[in-house]
Amino acid sequence: MRRCTVLDELPLDLDRDRPEPLSVQVAAGLRHAATTGLLHSGDRLPSSRALAGRLGVSRTVVAAAYDQLHAEGWISGKLGSGTYLTTAPAAVPVRAAEPGGTDAERHLFDLGPGAPCTETIDPAAWRRAWRAAADHSPLVRKDRAGEPEFRTAVTAHLLRHRGLGAGSDTVLLATAGTSSAVGELAAALLRPGAAVAMEDPGYQRAAGAFAAAGVRVLPVPVDAHGLRVDLLPAEAEAVYCTPAHQFPLGARMPAARRVDLVEHARRSGIFVIEDDYDGELRYDTAPLPLLAAMAPDVAVHLGTTSKILSPSLGVGWLLAAPEIAAAVLDYRERTGTGPSPAGQRVLAAFAAHGDLARHLRRLRRALPPRRALIVTELRRRGLGVVGDDAGSHVVVPVDSAETEERAVAAGQARGVALDGLARHHLGPHRDHFGVALGYTALSWSDLVAAVPIAAECLARPVAWSA
């Protein structure tokens, strides 16, 4: 155990004339001390009372700063022994390779959407889950529906965090993730050449999974409320959508439109694939009822661990009517495919003693400040965002495809990966121009460094086009 850090060694200078709250300044000062090497993992921090006395602020200010650092995974409290720094990130950022290049040739700060915030994962709980999963004896044959303990854990998770119960009218299956589940549903339920309606812009990997199964994808426009149900083509035999947080634009489908979609599916005799890729990451308002809860007869619910924990597990889940689940299981038996049990066992162990629920609470506390950081920097430059205050990314609208291309190119030149909406469109016609900015892949310190660069790259092309 490292010695306790001396109070005078902490460079925490507060400026009451700055617009940032004092608690934000305290948290920023401690993060800076950790990233510059003054504090190290295992160092004991002053008590909130002691630090408040030294800084001349109320104990509430320091307690709020400590709460934020705890939510971000920087510190942890030990009963009877104080508060300790648990994370001191190296200066090397999490980066994304430049498209068309190798990791060795070019590295960029990763501000793309769709990544988890692994900084909030409790390392001890993560290791404990992997050790528990390894205690199982090797399997002779795997259960193609999924490991029983995994399905039990997911059933409890869906009921607690998504209000979705798995009853006699539905069956829950393990999957290898959302894209894999989409491919299985297409292969098991749709004939080659059949058509599926999909949001445009939308999730390209789902479109790729449909195409790989020989299914045609029909783009359907989206608006501020998500998928345009009134524009669904009559020939579509299924609909794929992201109603909780439309990907990538971030809209939340309102209740009335969800009812319209369900009624359309029942009238047409088709099914709806509800991709709930980040449904657990809502921290502004209570979530609306899931399509699968409203209409388990026509809605197939998909979820994944890749956005709330890590793609390391490679697992997700599918909840559907018994006949749909039976068709998927029959496809797995015929092809010998199915999700790996290893990731299922880790997830089950992670959930067994409440670690998954605690992780989600930390995650919901950590994401709003990250989003606020991006929104504040954008607004300082006259830029705004679209979409709900939820999830793990925002979309910055711009006025044209040319502006979008310039912003992406400017970011790449300055070492920041920006994700233009162009690649998310399925059809030739475009109504939406902008950049999707993710705020979960990077550590907090790297996010603080990358976001001003991204905001400047987005603002400058707008000025040039004026």
Protein backbone atom coordinates (compact mmCIF):
# COMPACT_ATOMS: atom_id res chain seq x y z
CA MET A 1 0.00 0.00 0.00
CA ARG A 2 1.37 3.42 -0.98
CA ARG A 3 1.74 6.11 1.66
CA CYS A 4 -1.01 8.69 2.08
CA THR A 5 -0.63 11.69 -0.17
CA VAL A 6 0.33 14.88 1.65
CA LEU A 7 -2.36 17.57 1.31
CA ASP A 8 0.10 20.25 0.22
CA GLU A 9 1.20 18.13 -2.74
CA LEU A 10 -2.18 18.44 -4.44
CA PRO A 11 -2.23 21.37 -6.91
CA LEU A 12 -5.88 22.30 -6.50
CA ASP A 13 -6.31 25.99 -7.22
CA LEU A 14 -9.94 27.05 -7.38
CA ASP A 15 -11.16 30.13 -9.21
CA ARG A 16 -14.57 31.34 -8.04
CA ASP A 17 -14.83 33.67 -11.04
CA ARG A 18 -14.88 30.79 -13.49
CA PRO A 19 -18.29 29.54 -14.73
CA GLU A 20 -17.53 25.91 -13.79
CA PRO A 21 -18.90 24.81 -10.40
CA LEU A 22 -16.28 24.39 -7.68
CA SER A 23 -16.95 20.65 -7.50
CA VAL A 24 -16.12 20.35 -11.21
CA GLN A 25 -12.86 22.24 -10.65
CA VAL A 26 -11.90 19.99 -7.73
CA ALA A 27 -12.57 16.84 -9.80
CA ALA A 28 -10.59 18.26 -12.74
CA GLY A 29 -7.65 19.08 -10.47
CA LEU A 30 -7.51 15.55 -9.09
CA ARG A 31 -7.74 14.05 -12.58
CA HIS A 32 -4.86 16.29 -13.67
CA ALA A 33 -2.80 15.19 -10.67
CA ALA A 34 -3.38 11.57 -11.63
CA THR A 35 -2.59 11.96 -15.34
CA THR A 36 0.58 14.00 -14.66
CA GLY A 37 1.96 11.45 -12.21
CA LEU A 38 1.62 13.38 -8.96
CA LEU A 39 -0.94 10.82 -7.83
CA HIS A 40 -0.56 7.11 -8.53
CA SER A 41 -2.88 4.15 -8.44
CA GLY A 42 -3.19 3.09 -4.79
CA ASP A 43 -2.57 6.56 -3.34
CA ARG A 44 -4.89 7.54 -0.51
CA LEU A 45 -6.81 10.79 -0.97
CA PRO A 46 -7.66 13.21 1.83
CA SER A 47 -11.05 12.83 3.48
CA SER A 48 -13.76 15.11 2.09
CA ARG A 49 -13.72 17.05 5.39
CA ALA A 50 -9.93 17.52 5.34
CA LEU A 51 -9.77 18.57 1.70
CA ALA A 52 -12.72 20.94 2.12
CA GLY A 53 -10.92 22.61 5.04
CA ARG A 54 -7.74 23.03 3.06
CA LEU A 55 -9.54 24.50 0.03
CA GLY A 56 -11.89 26.69 2.03
CA VAL A 57 -15.05 25.19 0.53
CA SER A 58 -17.98 23.26 1.93
CA ARG A 59 -17.68 19.53 2.43
CA THR A 60 -20.58 19.15 -0.04
CA VAL A 61 -18.35 20.51 -2.84
CA VAL A 62 -15.62 17.92 -2.24
CA ALA A 63 -18.17 15.12 -1.76
CA ALA A 64 -19.72 15.95 -5.15
CA ALA A 65 -16.26 15.89 -6.78
CA TYR A 66 -15.47 12.52 -5.19
CA ASP A 67 -18.87 11.15 -6.31
CA GLN A 68 -18.12 12.13 -9.91
CA LEU A 69 -14.62 10.61 -9.82
CA HIS A 70 -16.07 7.43 -8.33
CA ALA A 71 -18.67 7.26 -11.12
CA GLU A 72 -15.90 7.64 -13.70
CA GLY A 73 -13.89 4.84 -12.09
CA TRP A 74 -10.98 6.97 -10.86
CA ILE A 75 -11.39 6.36 -7.13
CA SER A 76 -12.87 3.83 -4.75
CA GLY A 77 -13.72 3.91 -1.06
CA LYS A 78 -12.60 1.29 1.43
CA LEU A 79 -14.64 0.96 4.59
CA GLY A 80 -12.67 2.27 7.55
CA SER A 81 -9.55 3.10 5.56
CA GLY A 82 -10.39 6.02 3.30
CA THR A 83 -10.61 6.84 -0.39
CA TYR A 84 -8.00 5.62 -2.89
CA LEU A 85 -7.05 6.37 -6.46
CA THR A 86 -7.75 3.22 -8.47
CA THR A 87 -7.02 4.46 -11.99
CA ALA A 88 -4.13 6.49 -13.33
CA PRO A 89 -4.34 6.15 -17.15
CA ALA A 90 -1.22 6.18 -19.23
CA ALA A 91 -0.75 9.07 -21.59
CA VAL A 92 -1.28 6.82 -24.64
CA PRO A 93 -4.93 7.32 -25.75
CA VAL A 94 -7.40 4.76 -26.97
CA ARG A 95 -7.21 5.33 -30.68
CA ALA A 96 -8.84 4.26 -33.90
CA ALA A 97 -6.93 3.32 -37.01
CA GLU A 98 -7.35 5.59 -40.00
CA PRO A 99 -9.54 3.95 -42.67
CA GLY A 100 -7.29 2.47 -45.32
CA GLY A 101 -4.21 2.44 -43.11
CA THR A 102 -2.66 0.15 -40.53
CA ASP A 103 -2.36 0.83 -36.82
CA ALA A 104 1.38 1.28 -37.26
CA GLU A 105 0.89 3.87 -40.02
CA ARG A 106 -1.71 6.16 -38.45
CA HIS A 107 -3.57 6.55 -35.15
CA LEU A 108 -6.48 8.78 -34.29
CA PHE A 109 -8.40 9.71 -31.16
CA ASP A 110 -11.54 7.58 -31.41
CA LEU A 111 -14.67 9.77 -31.32
CA GLY A 112 -16.77 7.32 -33.30
CA PRO A 113 -20.12 6.10 -31.94
CA GLY A 114 -20.95 2.59 -30.81
CA ALA A 115 -18.18 1.93 -28.28
CA PRO A 116 -18.62 1.02 -24.61
CA CYS A 117 -17.28 3.07 -21.70
CA THR A 118 -14.92 0.49 -20.23
CA GLU A 119 -13.48 3.06 -17.81
CA THR A 120 -16.49 2.52 -15.53
CA ILE A 121 -16.00 -1.25 -15.23
CA ASP A 122 -14.82 -2.26 -11.76
CA PRO A 123 -11.58 -4.17 -12.47
CA ALA A 124 -11.99 -6.38 -9.40
CA ALA A 125 -15.54 -7.36 -10.37
CA TRP A 126 -14.44 -7.99 -13.97
CA ARG A 127 -11.63 -10.29 -12.88
CA ARG A 128 -13.91 -12.04 -10.39
CA ALA A 129 -16.45 -12.80 -13.13
CA TRP A 130 -13.83 -14.29 -15.44
CA ARG A 131 -12.43 -16.44 -12.64
CA ALA A 132 -15.92 -17.68 -11.76
CA ALA A 133 -16.59 -18.51 -15.41
CA ALA A 134 -13.37 -20.51 -15.55
CA ASP A 135 -14.46 -22.65 -12.60
CA HIS A 136 -16.97 -24.47 -14.81
CA SER A 137 -15.97 -27.83 -16.22
CA PRO A 138 -15.39 -27.93 -19.99
CA LEU A 139 -18.55 -28.61 -21.98
CA VAL A 140 -19.10 -31.72 -24.06
CA ARG A 141 -22.06 -30.20 -25.91
CA LYS A 142 -23.37 -26.66 -25.69
CA ASP A 143 -26.98 -25.64 -25.27
CA ARG A 144 -27.84 -23.86 -28.52
CA ALA A 145 -30.50 -21.82 -26.76
CA GLY A 146 -27.86 -20.46 -24.38
CA GLU A 147 -26.44 -21.40 -21.02
CA PRO A 148 -29.21 -21.63 -18.37
CA GLU A 149 -27.46 -19.28 -15.95
CA PHE A 150 -27.00 -16.72 -18.72
CA ARG A 151 -30.66 -16.79 -19.68
CA THR A 152 -31.65 -16.49 -16.03
CA ALA A 153 -29.36 -13.46 -15.57
CA VAL A 154 -30.62 -11.75 -18.74
CA THR A 155 -34.25 -12.40 -17.84
CA ALA A 156 -33.72 -10.64 -14.50
CA HIS A 157 -31.76 -7.83 -16.20
CA LEU A 158 -34.49 -7.15 -18.77
CA LEU A 159 -37.20 -7.08 -16.14
CA ARG A 160 -35.26 -4.76 -13.84
CA HIS A 161 -33.66 -2.39 -16.33
CA ARG A 162 -35.97 -2.51 -19.37
CA GLY A 163 -39.33 -3.44 -17.86
CA LEU A 164 -39.54 -6.44 -20.17
CA GLY A 165 -40.77 -9.72 -18.75
CA ALA A 166 -40.10 -13.09 -20.36
CA GLY A 167 -43.32 -15.05 -19.93
CA SER A 168 -45.07 -18.02 -21.47
CA ASP A 169 -45.66 -16.05 -24.70
CA THR A 170 -41.94 -15.45 -25.33
CA VAL A 171 -38.65 -17.37 -25.35
CA LEU A 172 -35.24 -15.91 -24.56
CA LEU A 173 -32.18 -17.11 -26.49
CA ALA A 174 -28.52 -16.22 -26.20
CA THR A 175 -26.92 -14.74 -29.30
CA ALA A 176 -23.44 -13.87 -30.47
CA GLY A 177 -24.44 -10.21 -30.65
CA THR A 178 -26.89 -8.04 -32.56
CA SER A 179 -25.48 -8.48 -36.08
CA SER A 180 -25.28 -12.23 -35.63
CA ALA A 181 -28.88 -12.33 -34.37
CA VAL A 182 -30.06 -10.29 -37.36
CA GLY A 183 -28.36 -12.75 -39.71
CA GLU A 184 -29.96 -15.72 -37.92
CA LEU A 185 -33.43 -14.18 -38.06
CA ALA A 186 -33.04 -13.42 -41.75
CA ALA A 187 -31.79 -16.93 -42.57
CA ALA A 188 -34.37 -18.68 -40.39
CA LEU A 189 -37.48 -16.64 -41.23
CA LEU A 190 -37.02 -14.94 -44.60
CA ARG A 191 -36.61 -16.52 -48.00
CA PRO A 192 -33.73 -15.41 -50.28
CA GLY A 193 -34.78 -12.32 -52.16
CA ALA A 194 -37.30 -11.24 -49.53
CA ALA A 195 -37.35 -7.58 -48.52
CA VAL A 196 -36.88 -6.01 -45.10
CA ALA A 197 -37.55 -2.35 -44.33
CA MET A 198 -34.82 -0.51 -42.46
CA GLU A 199 -34.20 3.00 -41.14
CA ASP A 200 -32.20 5.32 -43.41
CA PRO A 201 -29.75 6.40 -42.09
CA GLY A 202 -29.33 3.26 -40.06
CA TYR A 203 -27.06 0.57 -38.69
CA GLN A 204 -24.85 -0.62 -41.54
CA ARG A 205 -23.83 -3.89 -39.92
CA ALA A 206 -27.45 -4.96 -39.66
CA ALA A 207 -27.86 -4.11 -43.34
CA GLY A 208 -24.77 -6.18 -44.06
CA ALA A 209 -26.16 -9.14 -42.11
CA PHE A 210 -29.39 -9.01 -44.10
CA ALA A 211 -27.48 -8.81 -47.37
CA ALA A 212 -25.28 -11.77 -46.39
CA ALA A 213 -28.46 -13.81 -45.87
CA GLY A 214 -29.70 -12.90 -49.35
CA VAL A 215 -32.33 -10.45 -48.09
CA ARG A 216 -32.98 -7.12 -49.82
CA VAL A 217 -32.89 -3.99 -47.66
CA LEU A 218 -35.44 -1.25 -48.43
CA PRO A 219 -34.43 2.15 -46.98
CA VAL A 220 -37.16 4.03 -45.09
CA PRO A 221 -36.71 7.70 -44.14
CA VAL A 222 -36.53 8.80 -40.51
CA ASP A 223 -37.54 12.07 -38.91
CA ALA A 224 -37.28 13.61 -35.44
CA HIS A 225 -39.41 10.73 -34.10
CA GLY A 226 -37.56 7.86 -35.75
CA LEU A 227 -38.77 5.48 -38.46
CA ARG A 228 -41.53 6.83 -40.73
CA VAL A 229 -44.16 4.12 -40.34
CA ASP A 230 -46.36 5.79 -42.96
CA LEU A 231 -43.61 5.21 -45.56
CA LEU A 232 -43.10 1.48 -44.96
CA PRO A 233 -43.15 -0.35 -48.31
CA ALA A 234 -45.92 -2.91 -48.81
CA GLU A 235 -43.48 -5.57 -50.03
CA ALA A 236 -41.45 -5.60 -46.79
CA GLU A 237 -41.78 -8.89 -44.89
CA ALA A 238 -40.00 -7.53 -41.81
CA VAL A 239 -38.96 -4.21 -40.28
CA TYR A 240 -35.69 -3.48 -38.48
CA CYS A 241 -35.56 -0.39 -36.25
CA THR A 242 -33.95 1.17 -33.16
CA PRO A 243 -36.92 2.83 -31.41
CA ALA A 244 -35.30 3.55 -28.03
CA HIS A 245 -32.48 5.63 -29.56
CA GLN A 246 -32.48 5.71 -33.35
CA PHE A 247 -29.06 4.93 -34.73
CA PRO A 248 -27.35 7.17 -35.61
CA LEU A 249 -29.59 10.27 -35.28
CA GLY A 250 -30.64 9.61 -31.68
CA ALA A 251 -34.43 10.09 -31.92
CA ARG A 252 -36.76 8.34 -29.50
CA MET A 253 -39.84 6.86 -31.14
CA PRO A 254 -42.93 8.22 -29.31
CA ALA A 255 -45.65 5.97 -28.00
CA ALA A 256 -48.17 6.83 -30.73
CA ARG A 257 -45.76 5.86 -33.50
CA ARG A 258 -44.88 2.63 -31.69
CA VAL A 259 -48.56 1.76 -31.67
CA ASP A 260 -48.77 2.57 -35.40
CA LEU A 261 -45.81 0.30 -36.11
CA VAL A 262 -47.29 -2.60 -34.13
CA GLU A 263 -50.66 -2.23 -35.84
CA HIS A 264 -48.99 -2.12 -39.25
CA ALA A 265 -47.07 -5.31 -38.48
CA ARG A 266 -50.21 -7.13 -37.38
CA ARG A 267 -52.23 -5.97 -40.38
CA SER A 268 -49.46 -6.95 -42.79
CA GLY A 269 -48.54 -10.24 -41.15
CA ILE A 270 -44.89 -9.25 -40.73
CA PHE A 271 -42.53 -9.07 -37.74
CA VAL A 272 -40.51 -6.18 -36.30
CA ILE A 273 -36.91 -6.50 -35.13
CA GLU A 274 -36.37 -4.10 -32.22
CA ASP A 275 -32.64 -3.43 -31.76
CA ASP A 276 -32.26 -2.09 -28.21
CA TYR A 277 -28.51 -1.57 -28.60
CA ASP A 278 -28.12 1.01 -25.81
CA GLY A 279 -31.54 1.00 -24.15
CA GLU A 280 -29.97 0.75 -20.69
CA LEU A 281 -28.16 4.06 -21.25
CA ARG A 282 -31.09 6.42 -20.72
CA TYR A 283 -30.41 8.95 -17.99
CA ASP A 284 -32.73 11.86 -18.81
CA THR A 285 -36.25 10.39 -18.57
CA ALA A 286 -37.90 7.03 -17.96
CA PRO A 287 -37.88 4.77 -21.04
CA LEU A 288 -41.04 4.19 -23.07
CA PRO A 289 -42.49 0.66 -23.23
CA LEU A 290 -40.51 -1.63 -25.51
CA LEU A 291 -42.14 -2.93 -28.68
CA ALA A 292 -41.58 -6.45 -27.37
CA ALA A 293 -43.53 -5.59 -24.23
CA MET A 294 -46.36 -4.02 -26.24
CA ALA A 295 -46.59 -6.73 -28.89
CA PRO A 296 -44.67 -9.94 -28.12
CA ASP A 297 -46.53 -11.65 -30.97
CA VAL A 298 -44.86 -9.53 -33.69
CA ALA A 299 -41.81 -7.88 -32.08
CA VAL A 300 -38.40 -9.54 -31.69
CA HIS A 301 -36.25 -7.85 -29.05
CA LEU A 302 -32.44 -7.78 -29.47
CA GLY A 303 -29.93 -6.68 -26.84
CA THR A 304 -26.16 -6.82 -26.49
CA THR A 305 -23.36 -6.57 -23.93
CA SER A 306 -21.09 -4.78 -26.41
CA LYS A 307 -22.39 -1.30 -25.58
CA ILE A 308 -22.99 -1.65 -21.83
CA LEU A 309 -19.90 -3.72 -20.96
CA SER A 310 -17.46 -4.79 -23.65
CA PRO A 311 -17.35 -6.63 -27.00
CA SER A 312 -14.86 -8.95 -25.23
CA LEU A 313 -17.84 -11.08 -24.19
CA GLY A 314 -19.28 -11.43 -27.69
CA VAL A 315 -22.79 -12.17 -26.42
CA GLY A 316 -26.28 -10.75 -26.59
CA TRP A 317 -29.86 -11.92 -26.39
CA LEU A 318 -33.02 -12.39 -28.40
CA LEU A 319 -36.55 -12.43 -26.98
CA ALA A 320 -39.28 -13.55 -29.34
CA ALA A 321 -42.50 -15.50 -29.75
CA PRO A 322 -42.05 -19.29 -29.38
CA GLU A 323 -42.43 -19.98 -33.11
CA ILE A 324 -39.74 -17.44 -34.02
CA ALA A 325 -37.36 -18.76 -31.35
CA ALA A 326 -38.01 -22.32 -32.58
CA ALA A 327 -37.11 -21.32 -36.14
CA VAL A 328 -33.83 -19.79 -34.95
CA LEU A 329 -32.99 -22.90 -32.93
CA ASP A 330 -33.77 -25.11 -35.92
CA TYR A 331 -31.42 -22.99 -38.03
CA ARG A 332 -28.67 -23.40 -35.43
CA GLU A 333 -29.14 -27.17 -35.33
CA ARG A 334 -28.99 -27.39 -39.13
CA THR A 335 -25.88 -25.22 -39.40
CA GLY A 336 -24.10 -26.16 -36.17
CA THR A 337 -23.89 -22.50 -35.16
CA GLY A 338 -24.66 -20.72 -31.93
CA PRO A 339 -23.12 -18.31 -29.41
CA SER A 340 -20.05 -19.28 -27.43
CA PRO A 341 -20.76 -20.30 -23.81
CA ALA A 342 -17.64 -18.53 -22.46
CA GLY A 343 -18.95 -14.99 -22.70
CA GLN A 344 -22.34 -16.12 -21.42
CA ARG A 345 -20.75 -17.54 -18.28
CA VAL A 346 -18.79 -14.35 -17.64
CA LEU A 347 -21.92 -12.22 -17.96
CA ALA A 348 -23.86 -14.54 -15.66
CA ALA A 349 -21.08 -14.38 -13.06
CA PHE A 350 -20.83 -10.59 -13.41
CA ALA A 351 -24.56 -10.30 -12.75
CA ALA A 352 -24.73 -12.92 -9.98
CA HIS A 353 -23.79 -10.70 -7.04
CA GLY A 354 -25.10 -7.36 -8.31
CA ASP A 355 -21.96 -6.23 -10.15
CA LEU A 356 -23.86 -5.70 -13.41
CA ALA A 357 -26.49 -3.52 -11.72
CA ARG A 358 -23.80 -1.52 -9.90
CA HIS A 359 -21.91 -1.08 -13.16
CA LEU A 360 -24.99 0.28 -14.92
CA ARG A 361 -25.56 2.77 -12.11
CA ARG A 362 -21.94 3.98 -12.42
CA LEU A 363 -22.31 4.14 -16.18
CA ARG A 364 -25.45 6.27 -16.00
CA ARG A 365 -23.68 8.68 -13.65
CA ALA A 366 -20.54 8.86 -15.79
CA LEU A 367 -22.12 9.50 -19.20
CA PRO A 368 -23.99 12.80 -18.61
CA PRO A 369 -20.77 14.76 -17.82
CA ARG A 370 -19.17 13.31 -20.94
CA ARG A 371 -22.11 14.38 -23.05
CA ALA A 372 -22.15 17.79 -21.37
CA LEU A 373 -18.47 18.27 -22.21
CA ILE A 374 -19.18 17.77 -25.92
CA VAL A 375 -22.36 19.86 -25.97
CA THR A 376 -20.65 22.74 -24.14
CA GLU A 377 -17.70 22.82 -26.55
CA LEU A 378 -20.03 22.71 -29.56
CA ARG A 379 -22.28 25.48 -28.29
CA ARG A 380 -19.25 27.70 -27.61
CA ARG A 381 -18.70 27.58 -31.37
CA GLY A 382 -22.32 28.09 -32.35
CA LEU A 383 -22.99 24.40 -33.07
CA GLY A 384 -25.82 22.24 -31.76
CA VAL A 385 -26.76 18.59 -31.48
CA VAL A 386 -29.82 16.54 -32.37
CA GLY A 387 -31.31 13.52 -30.62
CA ASP A 388 -32.32 12.57 -27.12
CA ASP A 389 -30.18 13.19 -24.05
CA ALA A 390 -29.29 9.52 -23.78
CA GLY A 391 -27.00 6.84 -25.13
CA SER A 392 -23.32 7.24 -25.87
CA HIS A 393 -23.11 9.62 -28.83
CA VAL A 394 -24.52 12.86 -30.23
CA VAL A 395 -25.03 14.01 -33.81
CA VAL A 396 -23.87 17.44 -34.94
CA PRO A 397 -25.90 18.55 -37.98
CA VAL A 398 -24.19 20.49 -40.76
CA ASP A 399 -25.57 22.17 -43.86
CA SER A 400 -24.26 19.97 -46.66
CA ALA A 401 -22.35 16.87 -47.69
CA GLU A 402 -19.37 19.07 -48.53
CA THR A 403 -19.26 20.55 -45.03
CA GLU A 404 -19.47 17.07 -43.54
CA GLU A 405 -16.59 15.83 -45.71
CA ARG A 406 -14.43 18.82 -44.80
CA ALA A 407 -15.03 18.33 -41.08
CA VAL A 408 -14.11 14.64 -41.25
CA ALA A 409 -10.98 15.41 -43.27
CA ALA A 410 -9.98 18.21 -40.87
CA GLY A 411 -10.39 15.89 -37.90
CA GLN A 412 -8.28 13.21 -39.50
CA ALA A 413 -5.55 15.73 -40.26
CA ARG A 414 -5.50 16.78 -36.60
CA GLY A 415 -5.57 13.26 -35.17
CA VAL A 416 -9.29 12.89 -34.37
CA ALA A 417 -11.54 10.29 -36.00
CA LEU A 418 -14.93 11.81 -36.88
CA ASP A 419 -17.78 9.70 -38.21
CA GLY A 420 -19.74 11.40 -41.00
CA LEU A 421 -23.35 10.41 -41.57
CA ALA A 422 -22.62 9.59 -45.21
CA ARG A 423 -21.60 6.01 -44.43
CA HIS A 424 -24.80 5.37 -42.45
CA HIS A 425 -27.12 6.02 -45.38
CA LEU A 426 -28.53 3.05 -47.26
CA GLY A 427 -30.05 4.74 -50.29
CA PRO A 428 -28.77 7.33 -52.77
CA HIS A 429 -30.98 10.14 -51.42
CA ARG A 430 -29.76 12.01 -48.33
CA ASP A 431 -31.79 14.23 -46.03
CA HIS A 432 -29.32 14.32 -43.15
CA PHE A 433 -25.79 15.74 -43.07
CA GLY A 434 -23.59 15.80 -40.02
CA VAL A 435 -21.12 13.98 -37.80
CA ALA A 436 -21.78 11.43 -35.06
CA LEU A 437 -19.56 12.07 -32.02
CA GLY A 438 -19.12 9.24 -29.52
CA TYR A 439 -18.03 10.03 -25.99
CA THR A 440 -17.35 6.60 -24.49
CA ALA A 441 -14.34 5.05 -26.23
CA LEU A 442 -11.79 7.48 -24.80
CA SER A 443 -10.64 7.97 -21.24
CA TRP A 444 -11.83 11.19 -19.66
CA SER A 445 -8.45 12.89 -20.07
CA ASP A 446 -8.26 11.96 -23.75
CA LEU A 447 -11.85 13.08 -24.27
CA VAL A 448 -10.99 16.46 -22.76
CA ALA A 449 -8.10 16.74 -25.22
CA ALA A 450 -9.99 15.52 -28.29
CA VAL A 451 -13.36 17.27 -28.00
CA PRO A 452 -12.11 20.89 -28.53
CA ILE A 453 -10.28 19.72 -31.66
CA ALA A 454 -13.42 18.02 -32.98
CA ALA A 455 -15.55 21.08 -32.24
CA GLU A 456 -13.12 23.36 -34.05
CA CYS A 457 -13.03 21.04 -37.07
CA LEU A 458 -16.82 21.08 -37.22
CA ALA A 459 -17.08 24.84 -36.83
CA ARG A 460 -14.46 25.86 -39.38
CA PRO A 461 -15.95 24.13 -42.44
CA VAL A 462 -19.27 25.84 -41.69
CA ALA A 463 -17.50 29.19 -41.76
CA TRP A 464 -15.73 28.32 -45.02
CA SER A 465 -18.99 27.39 -46.73
CA ALA A 466 -20.69 30.67 -45.78
